[in-house]
C-alpha atoms as a PDB file:
ATOM      1  CA  MET A   1      24.448  17.928  -0.472  1.00  0.00           C
ATOM      2  CA  GLU A   2      26.546  16.749   2.448  1.00  0.00           C
ATOM      3  CA  THR A   3      25.235  14.718   5.352  1.00  0.00           C
ATOM      4  CA  ARG A   4      24.986  16.642   8.626  1.00  0.00           C
ATOM      5  CA  LYS A   5      24.499  15.487  12.222  1.00  0.00           C
ATOM      6  CA  TYR A   6      21.741  16.875  14.413  1.00  0.00           C
ATOM      7  CA  GLU A   7      20.467  16.406  17.942  1.00  0.00           C
ATOM      8  CA  ILE A   8      16.809  16.960  18.783  1.00  0.00           C
ATOM      9  CA  THR A   9      15.825  17.304  22.426  1.00  0.00           C
ATOM     10  CA  TYR A  10      12.183  17.505  23.334  1.00  0.00           C
ATOM     11  CA  ILE A  11      10.276  17.566  26.619  1.00  0.00           C
ATOM     12  CA  ILE A  12       7.281  15.269  27.008  1.00  0.00           C
ATOM     13  CA  ARG A  13       4.454  15.878  29.493  1.00  0.00           C
ATOM     14  CA  PRO A  14       5.194  13.983  32.733  1.00  0.00           C
ATOM     15  CA  ASP A  15       1.609  12.736  33.248  1.00  0.00           C
ATOM     16  CA  MET A  16       1.484  10.595  30.084  1.00  0.00           C
ATOM     17  CA  GLU A  17       1.112   6.852  30.420  1.00  0.00           C
ATOM     18  CA  GLU A  18       4.164   4.851  29.355  1.00  0.00           C
ATOM     19  CA  SER A  19       2.386   3.299  26.351  1.00  0.00           C
ATOM     20  CA  ALA A  20       1.179   6.700  25.104  1.00  0.00           C
ATOM     21  CA  LYS A  21       4.676   8.140  25.518  1.00  0.00           C
ATOM     22  CA  SER A  22       6.172   5.212  23.563  1.00  0.00           C
ATOM     23  CA  ASP A  23       3.627   5.783  20.786  1.00  0.00           C
ATOM     24  CA  LEU A  24       4.486   9.500  20.678  1.00  0.00           C
ATOM     25  CA  VAL A  25       8.231   8.798  20.425  1.00  0.00           C
ATOM     26  CA  ALA A  26       7.683   6.138  17.753  1.00  0.00           C
ATOM     27  CA  ARG A  27       5.451   8.501  15.738  1.00  0.00           C
ATOM     28  CA  PHE A  28       8.013  11.328  15.775  1.00  0.00           C
ATOM     29  CA  ASP A  29      10.900   8.943  15.006  1.00  0.00           C
ATOM     30  CA  LYS A  30       8.896   7.697  12.005  1.00  0.00           C
ATOM     31  CA  ILE A  31       8.271  11.285  10.850  1.00  0.00           C
ATOM     32  CA  LEU A  32      12.025  11.875  10.811  1.00  0.00           C
ATOM     33  CA  GLU A  33      12.793   8.622   8.984  1.00  0.00           C
ATOM     34  CA  ASP A  34       9.987   9.090   6.433  1.00  0.00           C
ATOM     35  CA  ASN A  35      11.463  12.480   5.507  1.00  0.00           C
ATOM     36  CA  GLY A  36      14.986  11.202   4.843  1.00  0.00           C
ATOM     37  CA  ALA A  37      16.728  11.233   8.243  1.00  0.00           C
ATOM     38  CA  THR A  38      18.731   8.323   9.648  1.00  0.00           C
ATOM     39  CA  ILE A  39      18.325   7.967  13.416  1.00  0.00           C
ATOM     40  CA  ALA A  40      21.487   6.929  15.283  1.00  0.00           C
ATOM     41  CA  ASP A  41      19.713   6.695  18.656  1.00  0.00           C
ATOM     42  CA  SER A  42      16.489   7.812  20.292  1.00  0.00           C
ATOM     43  CA  LYS A  43      16.244   7.544  24.066  1.00  0.00           C
ATOM     44  CA  ASP A  44      14.786   9.090  27.195  1.00  0.00           C
ATOM     45  CA  TRP A  45      17.300  11.168  29.084  1.00  0.00           C
ATOM     46  CA  SER A  46      15.496  11.663  32.395  1.00  0.00           C
ATOM     47  CA  THR A  47      12.552  13.330  34.095  1.00  0.00           C
ATOM     48  CA  ARG A  48      13.671  16.668  35.461  1.00  0.00           C
ATOM     49  CA  ARG A  49      12.236  19.561  37.395  1.00  0.00           C
ATOM     50  CA  PHE A  50      11.899  22.863  35.513  1.00  0.00           C
ATOM     51  CA  ALA A  51      13.285  26.189  36.698  1.00  0.00           C
ATOM     52  CA  TYR A  52       9.866  27.688  35.925  1.00  0.00           C
ATOM     53  CA  PRO A  53       6.467  26.167  35.049  1.00  0.00           C
ATOM     54  CA  ILE A  54       5.773  25.322  31.398  1.00  0.00           C
ATOM     55  CA  ASP A  55       2.045  25.036  30.617  1.00  0.00           C
ATOM     56  CA  LYS A  56       1.382  24.500  34.359  1.00  0.00           C
ATOM     57  CA  TYR A  57       3.873  21.584  34.553  1.00  0.00           C
ATOM     58  CA  THR A  58       6.824  21.755  36.937  1.00  0.00           C
ATOM     59  CA  GLU A  59       8.676  18.749  35.465  1.00  0.00           C
ATOM     60  CA  GLY A  60       8.933  16.818  32.223  1.00  0.00           C
ATOM     61  CA  THR A  61      10.592  13.835  30.549  1.00  0.00           C
ATOM     62  CA  TYR A  62      13.480  14.824  28.285  1.00  0.00           C
ATOM     63  CA  HIS A  63      13.925  12.724  25.134  1.00  0.00           C
ATOM     64  CA  VAL A  64      17.037  12.957  22.930  1.00  0.00           C
ATOM     65  CA  VAL A  65      17.302  11.917  19.270  1.00  0.00           C
ATOM     66  CA  ASN A  66      20.624  11.875  17.395  1.00  0.00           C
ATOM     67  CA  LEU A  67      20.286  11.740  13.625  1.00  0.00           C
ATOM     68  CA  THR A  68      21.948  12.434  10.297  1.00  0.00           C
ATOM     69  CA  THR A  69      20.334  13.925   7.220  1.00  0.00           C
ATOM     70  CA  ASP A  70      21.356  15.641   4.013  1.00  0.00           C
ATOM     71  CA  THR A  71      18.213  17.786   3.683  1.00  0.00           C
ATOM     72  CA  ASP A  72      16.265  20.015   6.054  1.00  0.00           C
ATOM     73  CA  GLU A  73      12.966  18.373   5.149  1.00  0.00           C
ATOM     74  CA  ALA A  74      12.900  15.977   8.147  1.00  0.00           C
ATOM     75  CA  LEU A  75      13.828  18.742  10.596  1.00  0.00           C
ATOM     76  CA  ASN A  76      11.240  21.142   9.200  1.00  0.00           C
ATOM     77  CA  GLU A  77       8.487  18.534   9.388  1.00  0.00           C
ATOM     78  CA  PHE A  78       9.446  17.553  12.957  1.00  0.00           C
ATOM     79  CA  ASP A  79       9.495  21.213  13.984  1.00  0.00           C
ATOM     80  CA  ARG A  80       6.124  21.911  12.363  1.00  0.00           C
ATOM     81  CA  LEU A  81       4.358  18.933  13.952  1.00  0.00           C
ATOM     82  CA  ALA A  82       5.968  19.339  17.390  1.00  0.00           C
ATOM     83  CA  LYS A  83       4.599  22.884  17.615  1.00  0.00           C
ATOM     84  CA  PHE A  84       1.028  21.546  17.242  1.00  0.00           C
ATOM     85  CA  ASN A  85       1.401  18.579  19.599  1.00  0.00           C
ATOM     86  CA  ASP A  86       0.193  19.268  23.153  1.00  0.00           C
ATOM     87  CA  ASP A  87       2.212  16.319  24.538  1.00  0.00           C
ATOM     88  CA  ILE A  88       5.522  18.005  23.613  1.00  0.00           C
ATOM     89  CA  LEU A  89       6.079  20.985  25.899  1.00  0.00           C
ATOM     90  CA  ARG A  90       9.278  22.264  24.248  1.00  0.00           C
ATOM     91  CA  HIS A  91      11.723  21.098  21.576  1.00  0.00           C
ATOM     92  CA  MET A  92      15.121  22.147  20.332  1.00  0.00           C
ATOM     93  CA  ILE A  93      17.103  21.154  17.210  1.00  0.00           C
ATOM     94  CA  ILE A  94      20.898  21.522  17.317  1.00  0.00           C
ATOM     95  CA  LYS A  95      23.398  21.007  14.498  1.00  0.00           C
ATOM     96  CA  ARG A  96      26.285  18.860  15.788  1.00  0.00           C
ATOM     97  CA  GLU A  97      29.885  19.290  14.757  1.00  0.00           C
ATOM     98  CA  ALA A  98      31.154  16.651  12.330  1.00  0.00           C
END
């Protein structure tokens, strides 16, 4: 199978302590790597105000991960676990053009 590029953007609760947020990002980066993805970069974008409240929050910290993978296993596992995590308000996975 060919290697494809993806971008994952997820929104983290704004009231998390910095150490807890770092642990959350490290845990989800490890989930991706353990399932066969290669992370090019993983960084905070910024804290932004929402157009409408999400789970009673009016702002959140956006985090962007660029990665490559040749299977969907890493993406499926990230998606599954992000849905259950209360610290991630929303997430989106986009396939990038080669």
